[in-house]
Amino acid sequence: MNLYVISGVTGMTGNELARKLTASGEAVVGFDNFFASSLDTVKDLLEKENFRFFEYDLNDEEAMTRIKSLVQKEKEAFETVVYINCAAVVHTEHFYHINRTFETNVLGMRAFLEQAIAVGADIFINCSTSEVYSMASWGENGVSESDYLTMANAEHSQRTSYATGKLLTEFFMKEAVLEKKILGCSIRFANVYSRNERYPKHIIPHILNQLRETGGVELLENSRENCRTFLHNEDSCAAVLALIETKSALDGSVYNVATDEEISILDLVKLCARKAGIENPRIQFRGYRESDPKRRVLNTDKIRERTGWKPHITLEEGIERCIKEKKD
């Protein structure tokens, strides 16, 4: 049996990882401060002997010391100790405010990584973001990890502050591996969605919630031309587990995790409406977001070649699941 320590465990990625791991007999210690989630997302796990939850904040030094002491006390009983950092201030309304994101996304991640090293953990998985690609997030074959990142025009987009913070965490991860302190990698997720998404300003839950409540949707003006790809959370979590199981991939690298099933936001509304049984949904446009990429398509050859991972849930199937599970 292995021990997994997961920050942000009630969030979108964390709760599904905990569910998959406990179902396979692994032990999970998870904590969260419910910034954009709820204990409801792990209520089916609370009675499990191999799942322990703590209402802790990643930035609370005293609470993190308790997590550290717990792991130090118990680690010898496990074959492998894995830390997974899912905690992040990630939502679009915070992208433009460096002080809202820096403490958790940068300092919190670094402290959690340092703790993993101090307790002798074997693996650290750093959940990063495709936001690091900023406006240059599309190419003929999708943007890849080896493409150059440029921040020369960062002053024109305060949104870049969020991307810069997450990029720093990737450097922390890479350096720790190069110095042979731990094995690990960073994952740049793109537009993950889930039945447990609690933040309605993410586009898919926003669309589904508004269709359910009003029969129509209010979108930003950007949505008239924007396109995106959307990855179901079960596929994103499968990518995390595939990397953990592939030791040769844990070399400090960065991996894109996404689909190449691109759709316009307007067509996404029509798809969601059709699956919800709503014909001709009313669409209104209000507001505009500066520095919003028109397209975001990532190349995932690297993780596919190194681990064999690939997404399995189509967008149509994923939308159906979200609607059914919301009803249930």
Protein backbone atom coordinates (compact mmCIF):
# COMPACT_ATOMS: atom_id res chain seq x y z
CA MET A 1 0.00 0.00 0.00
CA ASN A 2 1.13 3.55 -0.79
CA LEU A 3 0.38 6.82 0.99
CA TYR A 4 -0.87 9.83 -0.98
CA VAL A 5 -0.93 13.31 0.57
CA ILE A 6 -3.22 15.61 -1.42
CA SER A 7 -3.67 19.35 -0.96
CA GLY A 8 -6.93 20.82 -2.25
CA VAL A 9 -8.50 17.37 -1.90
CA THR A 10 -12.12 18.54 -2.15
CA GLY A 11 -11.39 20.50 -5.32
CA MET A 12 -12.04 19.26 -8.82
CA THR A 13 -8.87 17.23 -9.33
CA GLY A 14 -8.24 16.32 -5.71
CA ASN A 15 -11.56 14.65 -4.92
CA GLU A 16 -11.54 12.44 -8.00
CA LEU A 17 -7.94 11.39 -7.36
CA ALA A 18 -8.83 10.50 -3.78
CA ARG A 19 -11.81 8.47 -5.01
CA LYS A 20 -9.73 6.50 -7.51
CA LEU A 21 -6.89 5.90 -5.07
CA THR A 22 -9.00 4.75 -2.14
CA ALA A 23 -11.00 2.48 -4.44
CA SER A 24 -7.75 0.74 -5.41
CA GLY A 25 -6.79 0.25 -1.75
CA GLU A 26 -4.31 3.11 -1.36
CA ALA A 27 -4.20 5.37 1.71
CA VAL A 28 -5.03 9.06 1.26
CA VAL A 29 -4.46 11.99 3.61
CA GLY A 30 -6.18 15.05 2.21
CA PHE A 31 -6.84 18.60 3.30
CA ASP A 32 -8.66 21.66 1.99
CA ASN A 33 -9.93 25.06 3.15
CA PHE A 34 -13.03 24.98 0.88
CA PHE A 35 -11.92 28.06 -1.09
CA ALA A 36 -14.00 26.96 -4.08
CA SER A 37 -15.26 23.56 -3.04
CA SER A 38 -17.24 21.75 -0.39
CA LEU A 39 -16.97 18.72 1.87
CA ASP A 40 -19.83 17.32 -0.22
CA THR A 41 -17.38 16.37 -2.96
CA VAL A 42 -15.77 13.73 -0.71
CA LYS A 43 -18.77 12.78 1.44
CA ASP A 44 -18.74 9.29 -0.08
CA LEU A 45 -15.15 8.85 1.15
CA LEU A 46 -15.43 10.09 4.74
CA GLU A 47 -16.31 6.70 6.22
CA LYS A 48 -13.49 4.89 4.47
CA GLU A 49 -10.67 3.73 6.71
CA ASN A 50 -8.07 4.56 4.09
CA PHE A 51 -9.18 8.20 3.70
CA ARG A 52 -8.46 10.90 6.26
CA PHE A 53 -9.61 14.47 5.75
CA PHE A 54 -8.50 17.66 7.52
CA GLU A 55 -9.98 21.13 7.12
CA TYR A 56 -6.61 22.82 6.76
CA ASP A 57 -5.30 25.76 4.76
CA LEU A 58 -2.10 25.19 2.75
CA ASN A 59 -0.84 28.54 4.05
CA ASP A 60 -1.42 27.67 7.72
CA GLU A 61 2.06 26.76 8.98
CA GLU A 62 0.80 25.13 12.16
CA ALA A 63 -1.66 22.94 10.25
CA MET A 64 1.00 21.93 7.74
CA THR A 65 3.31 20.97 10.60
CA ARG A 66 0.61 18.57 11.80
CA ILE A 67 0.44 17.00 8.34
CA LYS A 68 4.21 16.68 8.33
CA SER A 69 4.26 15.00 11.74
CA LEU A 70 1.54 12.56 10.69
CA VAL A 71 3.47 11.52 7.57
CA GLN A 72 6.75 11.18 9.45
CA LYS A 73 5.07 8.97 12.04
CA GLU A 74 3.42 6.64 9.52
CA LYS A 75 5.57 6.62 6.38
CA GLU A 76 7.50 3.45 7.25
CA ALA A 77 4.27 1.47 6.94
CA PHE A 78 3.98 2.33 3.24
CA GLU A 79 5.96 1.32 0.17
CA THR A 80 5.81 4.75 -1.44
CA VAL A 81 4.84 8.26 -0.27
CA VAL A 82 3.43 10.57 -2.92
CA TYR A 83 2.58 14.27 -2.51
CA ILE A 84 0.14 15.82 -4.99
CA ASN A 85 -0.39 19.58 -4.92
CA CYS A 86 -3.90 20.35 -6.21
CA ALA A 87 -4.41 23.50 -4.13
CA ALA A 88 -4.58 26.68 -6.19
CA VAL A 89 -6.33 30.02 -6.50
CA VAL A 90 -7.23 29.32 -10.09
CA HIS A 91 -10.45 30.99 -11.23
CA THR A 92 -10.52 33.61 -13.96
CA GLU A 93 -11.68 36.47 -11.75
CA HIS A 94 -8.43 36.11 -9.77
CA PHE A 95 -6.07 35.88 -12.76
CA TYR A 96 -5.52 39.63 -12.81
CA HIS A 97 -4.69 40.01 -9.11
CA ILE A 98 -1.22 38.85 -8.11
CA ASN A 99 -1.83 39.22 -4.37
CA ARG A 100 -4.81 36.86 -4.51
CA THR A 101 -2.84 34.09 -6.15
CA PHE A 102 0.76 34.43 -4.98
CA GLU A 103 0.53 33.11 -1.43
CA THR A 104 -1.21 29.85 -2.29
CA ASN A 105 0.03 29.20 -5.81
CA VAL A 106 3.68 30.06 -5.24
CA LEU A 107 4.63 30.16 -1.55
CA GLY A 108 2.19 27.43 -0.56
CA MET A 109 3.35 25.11 -3.32
CA ARG A 110 7.02 25.67 -2.46
CA ALA A 111 6.41 24.96 1.24
CA PHE A 112 4.46 21.80 0.39
CA LEU A 113 7.30 20.65 -1.89
CA GLU A 114 9.85 21.37 0.84
CA GLN A 115 7.76 19.35 3.28
CA ALA A 116 7.64 16.42 0.86
CA ILE A 117 11.42 16.51 0.60
CA ALA A 118 11.87 16.85 4.37
CA VAL A 119 9.74 13.79 5.16
CA GLY A 120 11.49 11.73 2.50
CA ALA A 121 8.55 11.43 0.11
CA ASP A 122 9.30 9.56 -3.09
CA ILE A 123 7.25 11.58 -5.61
CA PHE A 124 5.79 15.08 -5.93
CA ILE A 125 3.20 15.97 -8.57
CA ASN A 126 2.78 19.69 -9.24
CA CYS A 127 -0.50 20.71 -10.86
CA SER A 128 0.31 23.70 -13.07
CA THR A 129 -1.78 25.33 -15.81
CA SER A 130 -2.00 25.95 -19.55
CA GLU A 131 -2.32 29.65 -18.68
CA VAL A 132 1.48 29.78 -18.96
CA TYR A 133 1.00 29.81 -22.74
CA SER A 134 -0.96 33.05 -22.41
CA MET A 135 -2.16 34.38 -25.78
CA ALA A 136 0.16 32.13 -27.81
CA SER A 137 -1.84 29.00 -27.05
CA TRP A 138 -2.51 27.59 -30.49
CA GLY A 139 -0.40 26.22 -33.31
CA GLU A 140 -0.87 23.97 -36.32
CA ASN A 141 -0.29 20.86 -34.19
CA GLY A 142 -1.15 22.45 -30.85
CA VAL A 143 1.26 24.26 -28.57
CA SER A 144 3.85 21.94 -27.02
CA GLU A 145 5.94 22.05 -23.86
CA SER A 146 9.10 22.71 -25.88
CA ASP A 147 7.70 25.84 -27.55
CA TYR A 148 9.22 29.09 -26.34
CA LEU A 149 7.29 31.03 -23.73
CA THR A 150 7.51 34.80 -24.08
CA MET A 151 6.55 37.36 -21.48
CA ALA A 152 8.00 40.33 -23.27
CA ASN A 153 4.56 41.95 -23.46
CA ALA A 154 3.49 40.97 -19.97
CA GLU A 155 2.75 44.57 -19.00
CA HIS A 156 -0.16 44.51 -21.43
CA SER A 157 -1.90 41.73 -19.52
CA GLN A 158 -2.08 41.69 -15.75
CA ARG A 159 -3.49 38.20 -16.25
CA THR A 160 0.11 37.13 -16.86
CA SER A 161 0.75 37.47 -13.11
CA TYR A 162 -1.15 34.23 -12.51
CA ALA A 163 0.72 32.44 -15.30
CA THR A 164 4.07 33.68 -13.99
CA GLY A 165 3.32 32.37 -10.50
CA LYS A 166 2.43 28.91 -11.79
CA LEU A 167 5.50 28.92 -14.02
CA LEU A 168 7.65 29.54 -10.94
CA THR A 169 6.29 26.36 -9.38
CA GLU A 170 7.48 24.43 -12.42
CA PHE A 171 10.99 25.77 -11.84
CA PHE A 172 10.82 24.75 -8.16
CA MET A 173 9.81 21.25 -9.28
CA LYS A 174 12.51 20.97 -11.91
CA GLU A 175 15.26 22.14 -9.56
CA ALA A 176 14.25 19.71 -6.82
CA VAL A 177 14.51 16.82 -9.27
CA LEU A 178 17.80 18.02 -10.77
CA GLU A 179 19.24 18.22 -7.25
CA LYS A 180 18.06 14.62 -6.70
CA LYS A 181 15.89 15.59 -3.74
CA ILE A 182 12.74 13.92 -5.09
CA LEU A 183 11.13 12.56 -8.26
CA GLY A 184 8.30 14.51 -9.83
CA CYS A 185 6.85 16.57 -12.65
CA SER A 186 4.47 19.41 -13.44
CA ILE A 187 1.19 19.09 -15.33
CA ARG A 188 -0.31 21.86 -17.46
CA PHE A 189 -4.03 21.10 -17.46
CA ALA A 190 -6.33 22.80 -19.97
CA ASN A 191 -10.02 23.46 -19.28
CA VAL A 192 -10.81 20.51 -17.04
CA TYR A 193 -14.45 20.05 -16.06
CA SER A 194 -16.20 17.78 -13.58
CA ARG A 195 -19.52 16.82 -12.04
CA ASN A 196 -18.10 18.19 -8.78
CA GLU A 197 -17.18 21.60 -10.16
CA ARG A 198 -18.50 24.09 -7.62
CA TYR A 199 -17.47 27.33 -9.25
CA PRO A 200 -20.12 28.50 -11.72
CA LYS A 201 -17.81 30.95 -13.51
CA HIS A 202 -16.02 28.06 -15.17
CA ILE A 203 -17.66 27.87 -18.55
CA ILE A 204 -19.28 24.41 -18.56
CA PRO A 205 -20.91 24.61 -15.10
CA HIS A 206 -21.85 28.22 -15.89
CA ILE A 207 -23.66 27.15 -19.05
CA LEU A 208 -25.37 24.16 -17.44
CA ASN A 209 -26.45 26.13 -14.36
CA GLN A 210 -27.91 28.98 -16.40
CA LEU A 211 -29.69 26.66 -18.82
CA ARG A 212 -31.22 24.82 -15.88
CA GLU A 213 -32.30 27.99 -14.10
CA THR A 214 -33.35 30.26 -16.97
CA GLY A 215 -33.33 28.27 -20.20
CA GLY A 216 -30.71 30.68 -21.57
CA VAL A 217 -27.10 31.72 -21.08
CA GLU A 218 -25.30 35.00 -20.53
CA LEU A 219 -21.78 35.05 -22.01
CA LEU A 220 -18.92 37.49 -22.37
CA GLU A 221 -18.53 39.22 -25.73
CA ASN A 222 -15.34 37.16 -26.19
CA SER A 223 -17.52 34.07 -26.56
CA ARG A 224 -18.71 35.17 -29.99
CA GLU A 225 -15.40 33.94 -31.44
CA ASN A 226 -13.58 31.95 -28.75
CA CYS A 227 -12.90 28.21 -29.08
CA ARG A 228 -11.62 25.78 -26.46
CA THR A 229 -10.94 22.12 -25.76
CA PHE A 230 -12.45 20.55 -22.64
CA LEU A 231 -11.05 17.59 -20.68
CA HIS A 232 -13.22 15.46 -18.39
CA ASN A 233 -11.85 15.19 -14.87
CA GLU A 234 -11.64 11.41 -14.96
CA ASP A 235 -9.23 11.67 -17.89
CA SER A 236 -7.16 14.37 -16.18
CA CYS A 237 -6.84 12.24 -13.04
CA ALA A 238 -5.91 9.21 -15.14
CA ALA A 239 -3.04 11.31 -16.51
CA VAL A 240 -1.79 12.06 -12.98
CA LEU A 241 -1.83 8.38 -12.08
CA ALA A 242 -0.16 7.39 -15.35
CA LEU A 243 2.73 9.75 -14.62
CA ILE A 244 3.09 8.48 -11.05
CA GLU A 245 3.30 4.94 -12.37
CA THR A 246 5.96 5.85 -14.97
CA LYS A 247 9.13 6.50 -13.01
CA SER A 248 11.11 7.52 -16.11
CA ALA A 249 8.62 10.36 -16.68
CA LEU A 250 9.26 11.88 -13.25
CA ASP A 251 12.35 13.80 -14.33
CA GLY A 252 11.11 17.29 -13.50
CA SER A 253 9.46 17.63 -16.91
CA VAL A 254 6.30 19.51 -17.78
CA TYR A 255 3.41 17.68 -19.43
CA ASN A 256 0.41 19.06 -21.30
CA VAL A 257 -2.81 17.28 -20.38
CA ALA A 258 -5.75 18.11 -22.64
CA THR A 259 -7.85 16.92 -25.56
CA ASP A 260 -7.72 18.04 -29.18
CA GLU A 261 -11.53 18.03 -29.48
CA GLU A 262 -11.94 21.76 -30.14
CA ILE A 263 -15.33 23.46 -30.02
CA SER A 264 -16.54 27.06 -30.17
CA ILE A 265 -18.19 28.43 -27.05
CA LEU A 266 -21.38 29.06 -29.01
CA ASP A 267 -21.47 25.45 -30.22
CA LEU A 268 -20.76 24.34 -26.65
CA VAL A 269 -23.90 26.16 -25.49
CA LYS A 270 -25.92 24.44 -28.23
CA LEU A 271 -24.49 21.04 -27.26
CA CYS A 272 -25.25 21.55 -23.57
CA ALA A 273 -28.77 22.74 -24.40
CA ARG A 274 -29.45 19.77 -26.67
CA LYS A 275 -28.29 17.34 -23.99
CA ALA A 276 -30.48 19.15 -21.45
CA GLY A 277 -33.51 18.94 -23.75
CA ILE A 278 -33.66 22.67 -24.48
CA GLU A 279 -34.27 23.88 -28.03
CA ASN A 280 -32.99 27.22 -29.30
CA PRO A 281 -31.38 28.44 -26.05
CA ARG A 282 -31.38 32.21 -25.57
CA ILE A 283 -27.84 33.66 -25.61
CA GLN A 284 -27.05 37.15 -24.35
CA PHE A 285 -23.66 38.84 -24.39
CA ARG A 286 -22.47 41.16 -21.65
CA GLY A 287 -18.98 42.25 -20.61
CA TYR A 288 -15.59 41.71 -22.14
CA ARG A 289 -12.41 40.10 -20.81
CA GLU A 290 -9.06 41.58 -21.77
CA SER A 291 -6.28 39.28 -22.96
CA ASP A 292 -8.50 36.25 -23.48
CA PRO A 293 -7.02 33.74 -25.97
CA LYS A 294 -9.27 33.08 -28.96
CA ARG A 295 -8.10 29.48 -29.13
CA ARG A 296 -6.34 27.09 -26.76
CA VAL A 297 -5.15 23.81 -28.23
CA LEU A 298 -2.34 21.86 -26.55
CA ASN A 299 -0.13 19.19 -28.05
CA THR A 300 -0.15 16.09 -25.78
CA ASP A 301 2.32 13.91 -27.70
CA LYS A 302 4.80 14.00 -24.83
CA ILE A 303 2.63 12.39 -22.15
CA ARG A 304 1.11 9.96 -24.66
CA GLU A 305 4.53 8.76 -25.79
CA ARG A 306 6.02 8.50 -22.30
CA THR A 307 3.09 6.94 -20.44
CA GLY A 308 0.57 5.68 -22.98
CA TRP A 309 -2.11 7.98 -21.54
CA LYS A 310 -4.84 9.36 -23.77
CA PRO A 311 -8.28 10.85 -23.05
CA HIS A 312 -11.24 8.48 -23.38
CA ILE A 313 -14.31 10.56 -22.55
CA THR A 314 -15.65 12.64 -25.43
CA LEU A 315 -17.10 16.07 -24.74
CA GLU A 316 -20.58 14.86 -25.66
CA GLU A 317 -20.35 11.96 -23.20
CA GLY A 318 -18.88 14.22 -20.53
CA ILE A 319 -21.74 16.72 -20.82
CA GLU A 320 -24.23 13.87 -20.57
CA ARG A 321 -22.54 12.69 -17.37
CA CYS A 322 -22.61 16.14 -15.81
CA ILE A 323 -26.32 16.54 -16.52
CA LYS A 324 -27.23 13.05 -15.29
CA GLU A 325 -25.12 13.25 -12.14
CA LYS A 326 -26.55 16.68 -11.30
CA LYS A 327 -30.06 15.23 -11.50
CA ASP A 328 -29.08 12.23 -9.37
